[in-house]
Amino acid sequence: LVNLVLGVEAWCVAVAVTGQLPSFMVVLAAITIGNIAGLLPTTPSGVGTRDLFVIPILQAGGMPYDAALAVSLTITAIIVLYNLSGGIFFILTPIRKQEPSHE
């Protein structure tokens, strides 16, 4: 479900960048494969690793390099912002101490 939502986001970004209607399946495949590659612990939050896979897949689907780069970097920025917002939530949430159970 997460990849589907990110795929729709990426497709909307691709429409905005290119001014055309790219193949949704190509964009979805690029984002899904890129997210799987981004799970490799090579860089924080998969930055760069994800783009290494997304850009060539979008190009293979007929998108020009500069548009594929813009789409990939925009989606990476969105993912990083999601992660940062979650991090801020956890930093600002007070830690609750658990009482030991008396069993």
PDB file of N, CA and C in Angstrom:
ATOM      1  N   LEU A   1       0.820  -1.194   0.000  1.00  0.00           N
ATOM      2  CA  LEU A   1       0.000   0.000   0.000  1.00  0.00           C
ATOM      3  C   LEU A   1       0.867   1.263   0.000  1.00  0.00           C
ATOM      4  N   VAL A   2       1.970   1.220   0.770  1.00  0.00           N
ATOM      5  CA  VAL A   2       2.864   2.380   0.823  1.00  0.00           C
ATOM      6  C   VAL A   2       3.453   2.657  -0.554  1.00  0.00           C
ATOM      7  N   ASN A   3       3.903   1.611  -1.237  1.00  0.00           N
ATOM      8  CA  ASN A   3       4.478   1.806  -2.566  1.00  0.00           C
ATOM      9  C   ASN A   3       3.434   2.303  -3.560  1.00  0.00           C
ATOM     10  N   LEU A   4       2.200   1.893  -3.393  1.00  0.00           N
ATOM     11  CA  LEU A   4       1.138   2.377  -4.277  1.00  0.00           C
ATOM     12  C   LEU A   4       0.914   3.877  -4.072  1.00  0.00           C
ATOM     13  N   VAL A   5       0.886   4.308  -2.813  1.00  0.00           N
ATOM     14  CA  VAL A   5       0.719   5.740  -2.521  1.00  0.00           C
ATOM     15  C   VAL A   5       1.910   6.528  -3.057  1.00  0.00           C
ATOM     16  N   LEU A   6       3.126   6.025  -2.816  1.00  0.00           N
ATOM     17  CA  LEU A   6       4.312   6.701  -3.351  1.00  0.00           C
ATOM     18  C   LEU A   6       4.318   6.680  -4.878  1.00  0.00           C
ATOM     19  N   GLY A   7       3.795   5.609  -5.466  1.00  0.00           N
ATOM     20  CA  GLY A   7       3.697   5.542  -6.921  1.00  0.00           C
ATOM     21  C   GLY A   7       2.765   6.604  -7.474  1.00  0.00           C
ATOM     22  N   VAL A   8       1.632   6.813  -6.802  1.00  0.00           N
ATOM     23  CA  VAL A   8       0.697   7.868  -7.229  1.00  0.00           C
ATOM     24  C   VAL A   8       1.354   9.235  -7.067  1.00  0.00           C
ATOM     25  N   GLU A   9       2.054   9.437  -5.934  1.00  0.00           N
ATOM     26  CA  GLU A   9       2.768  10.707  -5.733  1.00  0.00           C
ATOM     27  C   GLU A   9       3.800  10.925  -6.834  1.00  0.00           C
ATOM     28  N   ALA A  10       4.575   9.888  -7.126  1.00  0.00           N
ATOM     29  CA  ALA A  10       5.620  10.002  -8.149  1.00  0.00           C
ATOM     30  C   ALA A  10       5.011  10.254  -9.519  1.00  0.00           C
ATOM     31  N   TRP A  11       3.887   9.609  -9.803  1.00  0.00           N
ATOM     32  CA  TRP A  11       3.230   9.828 -11.092  1.00  0.00           C
ATOM     33  C   TRP A  11       2.755  11.274 -11.203  1.00  0.00           C
ATOM     34  N   CYS A  12       2.197  11.812 -10.122  1.00  0.00           N
ATOM     35  CA  CYS A  12       1.761  13.222 -10.131  1.00  0.00           C
ATOM     36  C   CYS A  12       2.948  14.156 -10.328  1.00  0.00           C
ATOM     37  N   VAL A  13       4.065  13.858  -9.671  1.00  0.00           N
ATOM     38  CA  VAL A  13       5.280  14.660  -9.854  1.00  0.00           C
ATOM     39  C   VAL A  13       5.757  14.549 -11.296  1.00  0.00           C
ATOM     40  N   ALA A  14       5.713  13.332 -11.856  1.00  0.00           N
ATOM     41  CA  ALA A  14       6.156  13.123 -13.236  1.00  0.00           C
ATOM     42  C   ALA A  14       5.281  13.895 -14.220  1.00  0.00           C
ATOM     43  N   VAL A  15       3.979  13.931 -13.973  1.00  0.00           N
ATOM     44  CA  VAL A  15       3.080  14.711 -14.832  1.00  0.00           C
ATOM     45  C   VAL A  15       3.432  16.191 -14.730  1.00  0.00           C
ATOM     46  N   ALA A  16       3.696  16.658 -13.515  1.00  0.00           N
ATOM     47  CA  ALA A  16       4.035  18.071 -13.321  1.00  0.00           C
ATOM     48  C   ALA A  16       5.362  18.429 -13.977  1.00  0.00           C
ATOM     49  N   VAL A  17       6.331  17.521 -13.905  1.00  0.00           N
ATOM     50  CA  VAL A  17       7.668  17.799 -14.450  1.00  0.00           C
ATOM     51  C   VAL A  17       7.673  17.722 -15.970  1.00  0.00           C
ATOM     52  N   THR A  18       7.047  16.688 -16.518  1.00  0.00           N
ATOM     53  CA  THR A  18       7.129  16.464 -17.963  1.00  0.00           C
ATOM     54  C   THR A  18       6.017  17.158 -18.744  1.00  0.00           C
ATOM     55  N   GLY A  19       4.892  17.423 -18.105  1.00  0.00           N
ATOM     56  CA  GLY A  19       3.757  17.990 -18.823  1.00  0.00           C
ATOM     57  C   GLY A  19       3.041  16.962 -19.675  1.00  0.00           C
ATOM     58  N   GLN A  20       3.392  15.695 -19.515  1.00  0.00           N
ATOM     59  CA  GLN A  20       2.773  14.599 -20.262  1.00  0.00           C
ATOM     60  C   GLN A  20       2.245  13.571 -19.276  1.00  0.00           C
ATOM     61  N   LEU A  21       1.585  12.550 -19.796  1.00  0.00           N
ATOM     62  CA  LEU A  21       1.090  11.468 -18.953  1.00  0.00           C
ATOM     63  C   LEU A  21       1.989  10.248 -19.114  1.00  0.00           C
ATOM     64  N   PRO A  22       2.976  10.071 -18.223  1.00  0.00           N
ATOM     65  CA  PRO A  22       3.834   8.894 -18.324  1.00  0.00           C
ATOM     66  C   PRO A  22       3.068   7.637 -17.902  1.00  0.00           C
ATOM     67  N   SER A  23       3.601   6.499 -18.245  1.00  0.00           N
ATOM     68  CA  SER A  23       2.982   5.230 -17.877  1.00  0.00           C
ATOM     69  C   SER A  23       3.000   5.073 -16.355  1.00  0.00           C
ATOM     70  N   PHE A  24       1.812   4.884 -15.774  1.00  0.00           N
ATOM     71  CA  PHE A  24       1.734   4.705 -14.326  1.00  0.00           C
ATOM     72  C   PHE A  24       2.482   3.454 -13.889  1.00  0.00           C
ATOM     73  N   MET A  25       2.403   2.390 -14.684  1.00  0.00           N
ATOM     74  CA  MET A  25       3.060   1.133 -14.308  1.00  0.00           C
ATOM     75  C   MET A  25       4.583   1.283 -14.287  1.00  0.00           C
ATOM     76  N   VAL A  26       5.133   2.052 -15.217  1.00  0.00           N
ATOM     77  CA  VAL A  26       6.584   2.288 -15.229  1.00  0.00           C
ATOM     78  C   VAL A  26       6.988   3.073 -13.990  1.00  0.00           C
ATOM     79  N   VAL A  27       6.228   4.112 -13.670  1.00  0.00           N
ATOM     80  CA  VAL A  27       6.539   4.926 -12.490  1.00  0.00           C
ATOM     81  C   VAL A  27       6.396   4.087 -11.226  1.00  0.00           C
ATOM     82  N   LEU A  28       5.340   3.294 -11.131  1.00  0.00           N
ATOM     83  CA  LEU A  28       5.140   2.440  -9.962  1.00  0.00           C
ATOM     84  C   LEU A  28       6.265   1.420  -9.827  1.00  0.00           C
ATOM     85  N   ALA A  29       6.668   0.807 -10.934  1.00  0.00           N
ATOM     86  CA  ALA A  29       7.775  -0.155 -10.893  1.00  0.00           C
ATOM     87  C   ALA A  29       9.065   0.522 -10.449  1.00  0.00           C
ATOM     88  N   ALA A  30       9.332   1.710 -10.975  1.00  0.00           N
ATOM     89  CA  ALA A  30      10.556   2.433 -10.606  1.00  0.00           C
ATOM     90  C   ALA A  30      10.571   2.753  -9.121  1.00  0.00           C
ATOM     91  N   ILE A  31       9.454   3.227  -8.594  1.00  0.00           N
ATOM     92  CA  ILE A  31       9.381   3.593  -7.179  1.00  0.00           C
ATOM     93  C   ILE A  31       9.487   2.354  -6.298  1.00  0.00           C
ATOM     94  N   THR A  32       8.808   1.284  -6.667  1.00  0.00           N
ATOM     95  CA  THR A  32       8.853   0.059  -5.862  1.00  0.00           C
ATOM     96  C   THR A  32      10.259  -0.516  -5.831  1.00  0.00           C
ATOM     97  N   ILE A  33      10.891  -0.645  -6.985  1.00  0.00           N
ATOM     98  CA  ILE A  33      12.257  -1.182  -7.038  1.00  0.00           C
ATOM     99  C   ILE A  33      13.222  -0.236  -6.334  1.00  0.00           C
ATOM    100  N   GLY A  34      13.031   1.064  -6.522  1.00  0.00           N
ATOM    101  CA  GLY A  34      13.877   2.038  -5.843  1.00  0.00           C
ATOM    102  C   GLY A  34      13.747   1.966  -4.334  1.00  0.00           C
ATOM    103  N   ASN A  35      12.541   1.767  -3.831  1.00  0.00           N
ATOM    104  CA  ASN A  35      12.344   1.647  -2.387  1.00  0.00           C
ATOM    105  C   ASN A  35      12.962   0.373  -1.836  1.00  0.00           C
ATOM    106  N   ILE A  36      12.891  -0.701  -2.589  1.00  0.00           N
ATOM    107  CA  ILE A  36      13.549  -1.939  -2.157  1.00  0.00           C
ATOM    108  C   ILE A  36      15.057  -1.726  -2.108  1.00  0.00           C
ATOM    109  N   ALA A  37      15.606  -1.064  -3.125  1.00  0.00           N
ATOM    110  CA  ALA A  37      17.041  -0.764  -3.130  1.00  0.00           C
ATOM    111  C   ALA A  37      17.399   0.190  -2.000  1.00  0.00           C
ATOM    112  N   GLY A  38      16.495   1.113  -1.675  1.00  0.00           N
ATOM    113  CA  GLY A  38      16.735   2.056  -0.595  1.00  0.00           C
ATOM    114  C   GLY A  38      16.789   1.406   0.771  1.00  0.00           C
ATOM    115  N   LEU A  39      16.316   0.169   0.876  1.00  0.00           N
ATOM    116  CA  LEU A  39      16.398  -0.554   2.143  1.00  0.00           C
ATOM    117  C   LEU A  39      17.815  -1.030   2.447  1.00  0.00           C
ATOM    118  N   LEU A  40      18.656  -1.100   1.411  1.00  0.00           N
ATOM    119  CA  LEU A  40      20.043  -1.506   1.642  1.00  0.00           C
ATOM    120  C   LEU A  40      20.713  -0.473   2.542  1.00  0.00           C
ATOM    121  N   PRO A  41      21.403  -0.917   3.573  1.00  0.00           N
ATOM    122  CA  PRO A  41      21.991   0.039   4.525  1.00  0.00           C
ATOM    123  C   PRO A  41      23.269   0.684   3.993  1.00  0.00           C
ATOM    124  N   THR A  42      23.169   1.399   2.892  1.00  0.00           N
ATOM    125  CA  THR A  42      24.348   2.050   2.313  1.00  0.00           C
ATOM    126  C   THR A  42      24.381   3.540   2.609  1.00  0.00           C
ATOM    127  N   THR A  43      23.229   4.181   2.657  1.00  0.00           N
ATOM    128  CA  THR A  43      23.148   5.617   2.945  1.00  0.00           C
ATOM    129  C   THR A  43      21.960   5.868   3.867  1.00  0.00           C
ATOM    130  N   PRO A  44      21.976   6.965   4.615  1.00  0.00           N
ATOM    131  CA  PRO A  44      20.825   7.274   5.466  1.00  0.00           C
ATOM    132  C   PRO A  44      19.558   7.482   4.640  1.00  0.00           C
ATOM    133  N   SER A  45      18.527   6.784   5.011  1.00  0.00           N
ATOM    134  CA  SER A  45      17.212   6.889   4.371  1.00  0.00           C
ATOM    135  C   SER A  45      17.221   6.516   2.890  1.00  0.00           C
ATOM    136  N   GLY A  46      18.253   5.807   2.436  1.00  0.00           N
ATOM    137  CA  GLY A  46      18.315   5.347   1.051  1.00  0.00           C
ATOM    138  C   GLY A  46      18.582   6.432   0.036  1.00  0.00           C
ATOM    139  N   VAL A  47      19.006   7.615   0.503  1.00  0.00           N
ATOM    140  CA  VAL A  47      19.263   8.739  -0.401  1.00  0.00           C
ATOM    141  C   VAL A  47      20.410   8.370  -1.340  1.00  0.00           C
ATOM    142  N   GLY A  48      20.205   8.514  -2.606  1.00  0.00           N
ATOM    143  CA  GLY A  48      21.224   8.175  -3.598  1.00  0.00           C
ATOM    144  C   GLY A  48      21.077   6.757  -4.103  1.00  0.00           C
ATOM    145  N   THR A  49      20.926   5.818  -3.185  1.00  0.00           N
ATOM    146  CA  THR A  49      20.749   4.416  -3.584  1.00  0.00           C
ATOM    147  C   THR A  49      19.431   4.257  -4.324  1.00  0.00           C
ATOM    148  N   ARG A  50      18.383   4.839  -3.791  1.00  0.00           N
ATOM    149  CA  ARG A  50      17.070   4.776  -4.432  1.00  0.00           C
ATOM    150  C   ARG A  50      17.133   5.416  -5.819  1.00  0.00           C
ATOM    151  N   ASP A  51      17.787   6.579  -5.899  1.00  0.00           N
ATOM    152  CA  ASP A  51      17.864   7.311  -7.166  1.00  0.00           C
ATOM    153  C   ASP A  51      18.652   6.544  -8.220  1.00  0.00           C
ATOM    154  N   LEU A  52      19.634   5.780  -7.774  1.00  0.00           N
ATOM    155  CA  LEU A  52      20.459   4.983  -8.682  1.00  0.00           C
ATOM    156  C   LEU A  52      19.611   3.981  -9.468  1.00  0.00           C
ATOM    157  N   PHE A  53      18.511   3.542  -8.885  1.00  0.00           N
ATOM    158  CA  PHE A  53      17.628   2.586  -9.552  1.00  0.00           C
ATOM    159  C   PHE A  53      16.445   3.263 -10.239  1.00  0.00           C
ATOM    160  N   VAL A  54      15.913   4.298  -9.621  1.00  0.00           N
ATOM    161  CA  VAL A  54      14.706   4.943 -10.152  1.00  0.00           C
ATOM    162  C   VAL A  54      14.979   5.626 -11.489  1.00  0.00           C
ATOM    163  N   ILE A  55      16.074   6.367 -11.581  1.00  0.00           N
ATOM    164  CA  ILE A  55      16.355   7.150 -12.794  1.00  0.00           C
ATOM    165  C   ILE A  55      16.466   6.271 -14.041  1.00  0.00           C
ATOM    166  N   PRO A  56      17.268   5.188 -14.034  1.00  0.00           N
ATOM    167  CA  PRO A  56      17.342   4.368 -15.258  1.00  0.00           C
ATOM    168  C   PRO A  56      16.018   3.691 -15.630  1.00  0.00           C
ATOM    169  N   ILE A  57      15.219   3.325 -14.621  1.00  0.00           N
ATOM    170  CA  ILE A  57      13.938   2.689 -14.928  1.00  0.00           C
ATOM    171  C   ILE A  57      12.994   3.700 -15.583  1.00  0.00           C
ATOM    172  N   LEU A  58      12.972   4.915 -15.058  1.00  0.00           N
ATOM    173  CA  LEU A  58      12.133   5.949 -15.680  1.00  0.00           C
ATOM    174  C   LEU A  58      12.617   6.271 -17.090  1.00  0.00           C
ATOM    175  N   GLN A  59      13.940   6.286 -17.278  1.00  0.00           N
ATOM    176  CA  GLN A  59      14.483   6.523 -18.625  1.00  0.00           C
ATOM    177  C   GLN A  59      14.093   5.397 -19.571  1.00  0.00           C
ATOM    178  N   ALA A  60      14.146   4.161 -19.089  1.00  0.00           N
ATOM    179  CA  ALA A  60      13.762   3.025 -19.931  1.00  0.00           C
ATOM    180  C   ALA A  60      12.285   3.111 -20.316  1.00  0.00           C
ATOM    181  N   GLY A  61      11.490   3.765 -19.469  1.00  0.00           N
ATOM    182  CA  GLY A  61      10.073   3.960 -19.773  1.00  0.00           C
ATOM    183  C   GLY A  61       9.809   5.136 -20.693  1.00  0.00           C
ATOM    184  N   GLY A  62      10.875   5.807 -21.152  1.00  0.00           N
ATOM    185  CA  GLY A  62      10.717   6.882 -22.121  1.00  0.00           C
ATOM    186  C   GLY A  62      10.831   8.289 -21.569  1.00  0.00           C
ATOM    187  N   MET A  63      11.171   8.413 -20.292  1.00  0.00           N
ATOM    188  CA  MET A  63      11.295   9.745 -19.704  1.00  0.00           C
ATOM    189  C   MET A  63      12.709  10.275 -19.928  1.00  0.00           C
ATOM    190  N   PRO A  64      12.866  11.531 -20.305  1.00  0.00           N
ATOM    191  CA  PRO A  64      14.208  12.108 -20.471  1.00  0.00           C
ATOM    192  C   PRO A  64      14.968  12.123 -19.142  1.00  0.00           C
ATOM    193  N   TYR A  65      16.307  12.116 -19.245  1.00  0.00           N
ATOM    194  CA  TYR A  65      17.148  12.038 -18.041  1.00  0.00           C
ATOM    195  C   TYR A  65      16.852  13.156 -17.053  1.00  0.00           C
ATOM    196  N   ASP A  66      16.763  14.393 -17.522  1.00  0.00           N
ATOM    197  CA  ASP A  66      16.561  15.510 -16.599  1.00  0.00           C
ATOM    198  C   ASP A  66      15.218  15.419 -15.875  1.00  0.00           C
ATOM    199  N   ALA A  67      14.193  14.956 -16.560  1.00  0.00           N
ATOM    200  CA  ALA A  67      12.889  14.778 -15.923  1.00  0.00           C
ATOM    201  C   ALA A  67      12.935  13.622 -14.921  1.00  0.00           C
ATOM    202  N   ALA A  68      13.601  12.524 -15.293  1.00  0.00           N
ATOM    203  CA  ALA A  68      13.730  11.385 -14.385  1.00  0.00           C
ATOM    204  C   ALA A  68      14.501  11.779 -13.129  1.00  0.00           C
ATOM    205  N   LEU A  69      15.543  12.578 -13.300  1.00  0.00           N
ATOM    206  CA  LEU A  69      16.318  13.061 -12.156  1.00  0.00           C
ATOM    207  C   LEU A  69      15.452  13.934 -11.255  1.00  0.00           C
ATOM    208  N   ALA A  70      14.683  14.834 -11.843  1.00  0.00           N
ATOM    209  CA  ALA A  70      13.813  15.716 -11.056  1.00  0.00           C
ATOM    210  C   ALA A  70      12.756  14.924 -10.295  1.00  0.00           C
ATOM    211  N   VAL A  71      12.154  13.944 -10.944  1.00  0.00           N
ATOM    212  CA  VAL A  71      11.145  13.111 -10.286  1.00  0.00           C
ATOM    213  C   VAL A  71      11.778  12.337  -9.140  1.00  0.00           C
ATOM    214  N   SER A  72      12.916  11.726  -9.395  1.00  0.00           N
ATOM    215  CA  SER A  72      13.581  10.917  -8.381  1.00  0.00           C
ATOM    216  C   SER A  72      13.987  11.749  -7.169  1.00  0.00           C
ATOM    217  N   LEU A  73      14.579  12.909  -7.397  1.00  0.00           N
ATOM    218  CA  LEU A  73      15.006  13.754  -6.282  1.00  0.00           C
ATOM    219  C   LEU A  73      13.818  14.314  -5.506  1.00  0.00           C
ATOM    220  N   THR A  74      12.733  14.614  -6.199  1.00  0.00           N
ATOM    221  CA  THR A  74      11.536  15.109  -5.515  1.00  0.00           C
ATOM    222  C   THR A  74      10.935  14.033  -4.626  1.00  0.00           C
ATOM    223  N   ILE A  75      10.850  12.814  -5.136  1.00  0.00           N
ATOM    224  CA  ILE A  75      10.307  11.713  -4.336  1.00  0.00           C
ATOM    225  C   ILE A  75      11.226  11.418  -3.155  1.00  0.00           C
ATOM    226  N   THR A  76      12.537  11.464  -3.367  1.00  0.00           N
ATOM    227  CA  THR A  76      13.472  11.267  -2.260  1.00  0.00           C
ATOM    228  C   THR A  76      13.265  12.340  -1.198  1.00  0.00           C
ATOM    229  N   ALA A  77      13.076  13.579  -1.613  1.00  0.00           N
ATOM    230  CA  ALA A  77      12.832  14.669  -0.656  1.00  0.00           C
ATOM    231  C   ALA A  77      11.540  14.434   0.125  1.00  0.00           C
ATOM    232  N   ILE A  78      10.506  13.957  -0.550  1.00  0.00           N
ATOM    233  CA  ILE A  78       9.240  13.667   0.130  1.00  0.00           C
ATOM    234  C   ILE A  78       9.438  12.564   1.160  1.00  0.00           C
ATOM    235  N   ILE A  79      10.159  11.510   0.798  1.00  0.00           N
ATOM    236  CA  ILE A  79      10.399  10.404   1.724  1.00  0.00           C
ATOM    237  C   ILE A  79      11.213  10.879   2.927  1.00  0.00           C
ATOM    238  N   VAL A  80      12.238  11.693   2.688  1.00  0.00           N
ATOM    239  CA  VAL A  80      13.049  12.217   3.791  1.00  0.00           C
ATOM    240  C   VAL A  80      12.190  13.095   4.704  1.00  0.00           C
ATOM    241  N   LEU A  81      11.306  13.904   4.131  1.00  0.00           N
ATOM    242  CA  LEU A  81      10.416  14.731   4.957  1.00  0.00           C
ATOM    243  C   LEU A  81       9.464  13.878   5.790  1.00  0.00           C
ATOM    244  N   TYR A  82       8.957  12.772   5.215  1.00  0.00           N
ATOM    245  CA  TYR A  82       8.139  11.839   5.999  1.00  0.00           C
ATOM    246  C   TYR A  82       8.946  11.320   7.185  1.00  0.00           C
ATOM    247  N   ASN A  83      10.176  10.880   6.911  1.00  0.00           N
ATOM    248  CA  ASN A  83      11.021  10.323   7.964  1.00  0.00           C
ATOM    249  C   ASN A  83      11.343  11.358   9.035  1.00  0.00           C
ATOM    250  N   LEU A  84      11.653  12.580   8.622  1.00  0.00           N
ATOM    251  CA  LEU A  84      11.958  13.634   9.588  1.00  0.00           C
ATOM    252  C   LEU A  84      10.746  13.977  10.449  1.00  0.00           C
ATOM    253  N   SER A  85       9.569  14.006   9.842  1.00  0.00           N
ATOM    254  CA  SER A  85       8.373  14.308  10.638  1.00  0.00           C
ATOM    255  C   SER A  85       8.124  13.212  11.668  1.00  0.00           C
ATOM    256  N   GLY A  86       8.367  11.978  11.309  1.00  0.00           N
ATOM    257  CA  GLY A  86       8.248  10.889  12.276  1.00  0.00           C
ATOM    258  C   GLY A  86       9.294  10.989  13.368  1.00  0.00           C
ATOM    259  N   GLY A  87      10.511  11.379  12.995  1.00  0.00           N
ATOM    260  CA  GLY A  87      11.579  11.545  13.979  1.00  0.00           C
ATOM    261  C   GLY A  87      11.274  12.647  14.970  1.00  0.00           C
ATOM    262  N   ILE A  88      10.723  13.750  14.488  1.00  0.00           N
ATOM    263  CA  ILE A  88      10.354  14.854  15.378  1.00  0.00           C
ATOM    264  C   ILE A  88       9.276  14.400  16.357  1.00  0.00           C
ATOM    265  N   PHE A  89       8.323  13.621  15.881  1.00  0.00           N
ATOM    266  CA  PHE A  89       7.273  13.089  16.749  1.00  0.00           C
ATOM    267  C   PHE A  89       7.879  12.252  17.873  1.00  0.00           C
ATOM    268  N   PHE A  90       8.820  11.375  17.538  1.00  0.00           N
ATOM    269  CA  PHE A  90       9.420  10.521  18.554  1.00  0.00           C
ATOM    270  C   PHE A  90      10.321  11.303  19.502  1.00  0.00           C
ATOM    271  N   ILE A  91      10.983  12.332  19.017  1.00  0.00           N
ATOM    272  CA  ILE A  91      11.837  13.145  19.883  1.00  0.00           C
ATOM    273  C   ILE A  91      10.994  13.927  20.887  1.00  0.00           C
ATOM    274  N   LEU A  92       9.869  14.452  20.453  1.00  0.00           N
ATOM    275  CA  LEU A  92       9.039  15.290  21.315  1.00  0.00           C
ATOM    276  C   LEU A  92       8.081  14.503  22.205  1.00  0.00           C
ATOM    277  N   THR A  93       7.922  13.215  21.961  1.00  0.00           N
ATOM    278  CA  THR A  93       7.044  12.394  22.787  1.00  0.00           C
ATOM    279  C   THR A  93       7.790  11.996  24.056  1.00  0.00           C
ATOM    280  N   PRO A  94       7.217  12.302  25.226  1.00  0.00           N
ATOM    281  CA  PRO A  94       7.916  11.941  26.466  1.00  0.00           C
ATOM    282  C   PRO A  94       7.980  10.425  26.640  1.00  0.00           C
ATOM    283  N   ILE A  95       9.057   9.989  27.250  1.00  0.00           N
ATOM    284  CA  ILE A  95       9.248   8.560  27.507  1.00  0.00           C
ATOM    285  C   ILE A  95       8.494   8.201  28.781  1.00  0.00           C
ATOM    286  N   ARG A  96       7.694   7.175  28.708  1.00  0.00           N
ATOM    287  CA  ARG A  96       6.942   6.711  29.876  1.00  0.00           C
ATOM    288  C   ARG A  96       7.653   5.511  30.470  1.00  0.00           C
ATOM    289  N   LYS A  97       7.879   5.573  31.749  1.00  0.00           N
ATOM    290  CA  LYS A  97       8.497   4.435  32.430  1.00  0.00           C
ATOM    291  C   LYS A  97       7.415   3.423  32.757  1.00  0.00           C
ATOM    292  N   GLN A  98       7.727   2.166  32.492  1.00  0.00           N
ATOM    293  CA  GLN A  98       6.773   1.110  32.790  1.00  0.00           C
ATOM    294  C   GLN A  98       6.974   0.655  34.226  1.00  0.00           C
ATOM    295  N   GLU A  99       5.862   0.457  34.890  1.00  0.00           N
ATOM    296  CA  GLU A  99       5.910  -0.061  36.249  1.00  0.00           C
ATOM    297  C   GLU A  99       6.163  -1.563  36.184  1.00  0.00           C
ATOM    298  N   PRO A 100       7.017  -2.079  37.064  1.00  0.00           N
ATOM    299  CA  PRO A 100       7.243  -3.533  37.053  1.00  0.00           C
ATOM    300  C   PRO A 100       5.968  -4.263  37.465  1.00  0.00           C
ATOM    301  N   SER A 101       5.709  -5.360  36.808  1.00  0.00           N
ATOM    302  CA  SER A 101       4.513  -6.145  37.133  1.00  0.00           C
ATOM    303  C   SER A 101       4.792  -6.995  38.365  1.00  0.00           C
ATOM    304  N   HIS A 102       3.801  -7.125  39.207  1.00  0.00           N
ATOM    305  CA  HIS A 102       3.929  -7.903  40.447  1.00  0.00           C
ATOM    306  C   HIS A 102       3.142  -9.191  40.297  1.00  0.00           C
ATOM    307  N   GLU A 103       3.738 -10.116  39.594  1.00  0.00           N
ATOM    308  CA  GLU A 103       3.044 -11.390  39.380  1.00  0.00           C
ATOM    309  C   GLU A 103       3.637 -12.452  40.237  1.00  0.00           C
TER     310      GLU A 103
END
